[in-house]
Amino acid sequence: RGVKLNQLGQLALTRLRPCVSLIDRLVEEVRHETVPMLRCGANPTVMMHTMPAALSWMEQNGKPLRFNFRTGVVGDMVGALCDGDLDCYVGHVDWRQIPPHQAELLRVQALKTVPMSVVAAKDHPLSQRGQVTPSDLLQWEWALPAENSANRAELVSQFRSAGLPTPSASVEAKSDLPGLLRLVSTTKLLTCVPESA
C-alpha cells in the first residue's frame, strides 16, 4: 500500500541480495552434493580467448569446478553481480556507468589491458591504405556495439578527444562481437573491438 524502504532500508537490501543468493545456492549444492558452480558474467571478448584459456588450464590441473557463463554489457553484468545473480564478472568496467551504491560493493582485480582496434574487411578500401586518420574513418558506415557498452564508450571517447564527431551506427549489436566481426568481414562497414577479438 505504498510502503517504501527508506535510505537505510535500500542500503540493507542492496547489501543482503548477494548474501541471500549465496545461501540459497549453498543449500542446493550441499543438498545435492555437487561440485560448486561458479556463475560468471563476462565481456563477450573475454569469452573468445581468456575464458577458454582459463578453463583449459583448470582442466589440465584437475580443478573441479562447474561454470554458468553469461555475457553482456558492463552495466547489466555489474547489476547482476550486485543482485547476487553472478559470483564474478570478467571484463572491462567503465566506472562512469556504475552507480555509486553498486561501485562500493565491488572488489576489482586488474588482469590485463587490452587495446582497441578499428576493424574492416580485408578488401575494404581503408585496408589497402598505409595511413588512416580518424577523419577518414568518419567517411564510412559503422557496425557498433550497443550504446551502453564499454567498447562503444571507448570509441566515443577517442573521437571526442580528437575533436571529432562520433561515428553513428548503421548497425548496432548488443553483446555479439563475433557477429559484428562476421558482418564487417563481408561488408564495407567498420567496427571497433578489443584487439584480442
Protein backbone atom coordinates (compact mmCIF):
# COMPACT_ATOMS: atom_id res chain seq x y z
CA ARG A 1 0.00 0.00 0.00
CA GLY A 2 2.68 2.47 -0.90
CA VAL A 3 5.19 1.48 1.79
CA LYS A 4 8.75 2.16 0.60
CA LEU A 5 12.17 1.41 2.02
CA ASN A 6 13.98 4.41 3.41
CA GLN A 7 17.64 5.08 2.53
CA LEU A 8 18.96 2.69 5.19
CA GLY A 9 16.49 0.01 4.11
CA GLN A 10 17.65 0.37 0.50
CA LEU A 11 21.27 0.02 1.62
CA ALA A 12 20.45 -3.09 3.66
CA LEU A 13 18.56 -4.65 0.73
CA THR A 14 21.40 -3.88 -1.69
CA ARG A 15 23.98 -5.45 0.61
CA LEU A 16 21.86 -8.50 1.50
CA ARG A 17 20.87 -9.62 -2.03
CA PRO A 18 24.23 -11.33 -2.76
CA CYS A 19 24.21 -12.98 0.69
CA VAL A 20 20.71 -14.44 0.29
CA SER A 21 21.57 -15.69 -3.19
CA LEU A 22 24.80 -17.27 -1.92
CA ILE A 23 22.98 -19.06 0.93
CA ASP A 24 20.30 -20.38 -1.46
CA ARG A 25 22.99 -21.75 -3.78
CA LEU A 26 24.97 -23.27 -0.92
CA VAL A 27 21.88 -25.11 0.37
CA GLU A 28 21.25 -26.53 -3.14
CA GLU A 29 24.87 -27.63 -3.62
CA VAL A 30 25.08 -29.28 -0.19
CA ARG A 31 21.69 -30.97 -0.65
CA HIS A 32 22.76 -32.46 -3.99
CA GLU A 33 26.45 -32.94 -3.08
CA THR A 34 27.52 -31.35 -6.34
CA VAL A 35 30.76 -29.68 -7.32
CA PRO A 36 30.25 -25.93 -6.73
CA MET A 37 29.10 -23.91 -9.73
CA LEU A 38 30.69 -20.54 -10.39
CA ARG A 39 28.23 -18.14 -12.02
CA CYS A 40 30.46 -15.92 -14.11
CA GLY A 41 29.50 -12.86 -16.12
CA ALA A 42 31.85 -11.95 -18.93
CA ASN A 43 32.51 -9.43 -21.61
CA PRO A 44 31.94 -11.17 -24.99
CA THR A 45 35.61 -10.69 -25.93
CA VAL A 46 36.70 -12.48 -22.76
CA MET A 47 34.65 -15.50 -23.86
CA MET A 48 36.66 -15.66 -27.10
CA HIS A 49 40.15 -16.04 -25.56
CA THR A 50 40.58 -15.55 -21.82
CA MET A 51 37.87 -17.93 -20.60
CA PRO A 52 38.80 -20.80 -22.93
CA ALA A 53 42.44 -20.46 -21.81
CA ALA A 54 41.42 -20.39 -18.13
CA LEU A 55 39.15 -23.43 -18.48
CA SER A 56 41.87 -25.32 -20.34
CA TRP A 57 44.32 -24.56 -17.54
CA MET A 58 41.81 -25.71 -14.91
CA GLU A 59 41.12 -28.91 -16.81
CA GLN A 60 44.84 -29.70 -17.15
CA ASN A 61 45.39 -29.02 -13.44
CA GLY A 62 42.42 -31.05 -12.20
CA LYS A 63 40.43 -28.17 -10.74
CA PRO A 64 36.86 -29.41 -10.18
CA LEU A 65 34.53 -26.54 -10.92
CA ARG A 66 31.33 -26.12 -12.86
CA PHE A 67 30.57 -22.87 -14.65
CA ASN A 68 27.49 -21.00 -15.72
CA PHE A 69 28.57 -18.23 -18.10
CA ARG A 70 26.54 -15.17 -19.01
CA THR A 71 27.71 -12.42 -21.36
CA GLY A 72 26.50 -8.86 -21.64
CA VAL A 73 27.30 -5.20 -21.34
CA VAL A 74 29.05 -3.93 -18.23
CA GLY A 75 26.02 -2.29 -16.60
CA ASP A 76 23.91 -5.45 -16.87
CA MET A 77 26.73 -7.64 -15.57
CA VAL A 78 27.52 -5.38 -12.60
CA GLY A 79 23.81 -5.17 -11.77
CA ALA A 80 23.56 -8.99 -11.79
CA LEU A 81 26.70 -9.20 -9.66
CA CYS A 82 25.33 -6.74 -7.09
CA ASP A 83 21.97 -8.55 -7.03
CA GLY A 84 23.70 -11.85 -6.28
CA ASP A 85 22.84 -13.41 -9.65
CA LEU A 86 26.56 -13.67 -10.53
CA ASP A 87 29.58 -14.59 -8.42
CA CYS A 88 32.07 -12.65 -10.54
CA TYR A 89 32.41 -10.62 -13.71
CA VAL A 90 35.41 -10.75 -16.03
CA GLY A 91 35.70 -7.76 -18.35
CA HIS A 92 36.27 -4.05 -18.54
CA VAL A 93 34.46 -1.88 -16.00
CA ASP A 94 33.62 1.66 -17.06
CA TRP A 95 33.28 3.31 -13.66
CA ARG A 96 31.38 6.25 -15.19
CA GLN A 97 28.47 3.87 -15.82
CA ILE A 98 28.42 2.24 -12.37
CA PRO A 99 26.12 3.84 -9.77
CA PRO A 100 27.99 4.72 -6.55
CA HIS A 101 25.87 2.35 -4.42
CA GLN A 102 26.99 -0.54 -6.68
CA ALA A 103 30.60 0.60 -7.07
CA GLU A 104 31.20 0.43 -3.32
CA LEU A 105 30.17 -3.25 -3.32
CA LEU A 106 32.75 -4.27 -5.92
CA ARG A 107 36.24 -5.61 -5.38
CA VAL A 108 38.35 -5.33 -8.53
CA GLN A 109 41.42 -7.25 -9.61
CA ALA A 110 43.07 -5.92 -12.79
CA LEU A 111 44.06 -8.79 -15.06
CA LYS A 112 45.38 -7.03 -18.16
CA THR A 113 44.92 -4.09 -20.50
CA VAL A 114 43.58 -4.77 -23.98
CA PRO A 115 43.95 -2.14 -26.74
CA MET A 116 41.02 -1.36 -29.05
CA SER A 117 41.20 -1.72 -32.83
CA VAL A 118 39.16 -0.42 -35.75
CA VAL A 119 38.30 -3.37 -37.96
CA ALA A 120 37.43 -3.55 -41.66
CA ALA A 121 37.18 -6.35 -44.21
CA LYS A 122 40.40 -7.31 -46.00
CA ASP A 123 39.06 -5.89 -49.26
CA HIS A 124 37.79 -2.64 -47.68
CA PRO A 125 39.35 0.46 -49.32
CA LEU A 126 40.77 1.59 -45.96
CA SER A 127 42.52 -1.77 -45.50
CA GLN A 128 44.55 -1.06 -48.63
CA ARG A 129 45.88 2.28 -47.35
CA GLY A 130 49.06 2.73 -45.35
CA GLN A 131 47.88 5.65 -43.20
CA VAL A 132 44.33 6.18 -41.99
CA THR A 133 43.25 9.20 -39.95
CA PRO A 134 40.26 9.42 -37.61
CA SER A 135 38.65 11.79 -40.14
CA ASP A 136 38.99 9.07 -42.81
CA LEU A 137 37.08 6.68 -40.55
CA LEU A 138 34.11 9.03 -40.36
CA GLN A 139 33.56 8.74 -44.12
CA TRP A 140 32.29 5.14 -43.74
CA GLU A 141 29.29 3.38 -42.24
CA TRP A 142 29.78 1.63 -38.87
CA ALA A 143 28.54 -1.52 -37.17
CA LEU A 144 28.90 -0.82 -33.44
CA PRO A 145 28.40 -2.47 -30.08
CA ALA A 146 25.45 -1.27 -28.00
CA GLU A 147 25.50 2.34 -26.82
CA ASN A 148 25.92 1.34 -23.18
CA SER A 149 28.88 -0.98 -23.84
CA ALA A 150 32.41 -0.22 -22.65
CA ASN A 151 33.72 -0.76 -26.21
CA ARG A 152 31.38 1.88 -27.60
CA ALA A 153 32.26 4.28 -24.77
CA GLU A 154 35.97 3.91 -25.56
CA LEU A 155 35.39 4.59 -29.28
CA VAL A 156 33.32 7.69 -28.50
CA SER A 157 35.99 8.89 -26.07
CA GLN A 158 38.75 8.58 -28.66
CA PHE A 159 36.84 10.52 -31.33
CA ARG A 160 35.84 13.23 -28.87
CA SER A 161 39.44 13.51 -27.66
CA ALA A 162 40.45 14.14 -31.28
CA GLY A 163 37.82 16.93 -31.50
CA LEU A 164 35.70 14.94 -33.97
CA PRO A 165 32.07 13.88 -34.05
CA THR A 166 31.48 10.27 -33.10
CA PRO A 167 30.59 7.60 -35.66
CA SER A 168 26.91 6.74 -35.79
CA ALA A 169 25.82 3.12 -36.04
CA SER A 170 24.18 1.88 -39.22
CA VAL A 171 24.07 -1.48 -37.44
CA GLU A 172 24.11 -1.98 -33.67
CA ALA A 173 24.64 -5.29 -31.88
CA LYS A 174 24.32 -5.87 -28.15
CA SER A 175 26.81 -8.39 -26.74
CA ASP A 176 27.71 -10.01 -30.05
CA LEU A 177 31.33 -9.33 -31.03
CA PRO A 178 31.62 -12.46 -33.18
CA GLY A 179 28.51 -11.33 -35.06
CA LEU A 180 29.95 -7.83 -35.55
CA LEU A 181 33.22 -9.26 -36.87
CA ARG A 182 31.42 -11.61 -39.29
CA LEU A 183 29.23 -8.76 -40.50
CA VAL A 184 32.19 -6.43 -41.05
CA SER A 185 34.17 -9.16 -42.84
CA THR A 186 31.55 -9.34 -45.62
CA THR A 187 30.56 -5.66 -45.96
CA LYS A 188 32.08 -2.19 -46.25
CA LEU A 189 31.16 -1.44 -42.62
CA LEU A 190 33.74 -0.60 -39.94
CA THR A 191 33.65 -1.62 -36.29
CA CYS A 192 35.71 -1.16 -33.15
CA VAL A 193 36.54 -4.11 -30.91
CA PRO A 194 39.20 -5.11 -28.40
CA GLU A 195 42.37 -6.17 -30.20
CA SER A 196 42.11 -9.65 -28.72
CA ALA A 197 38.85 -10.21 -30.62
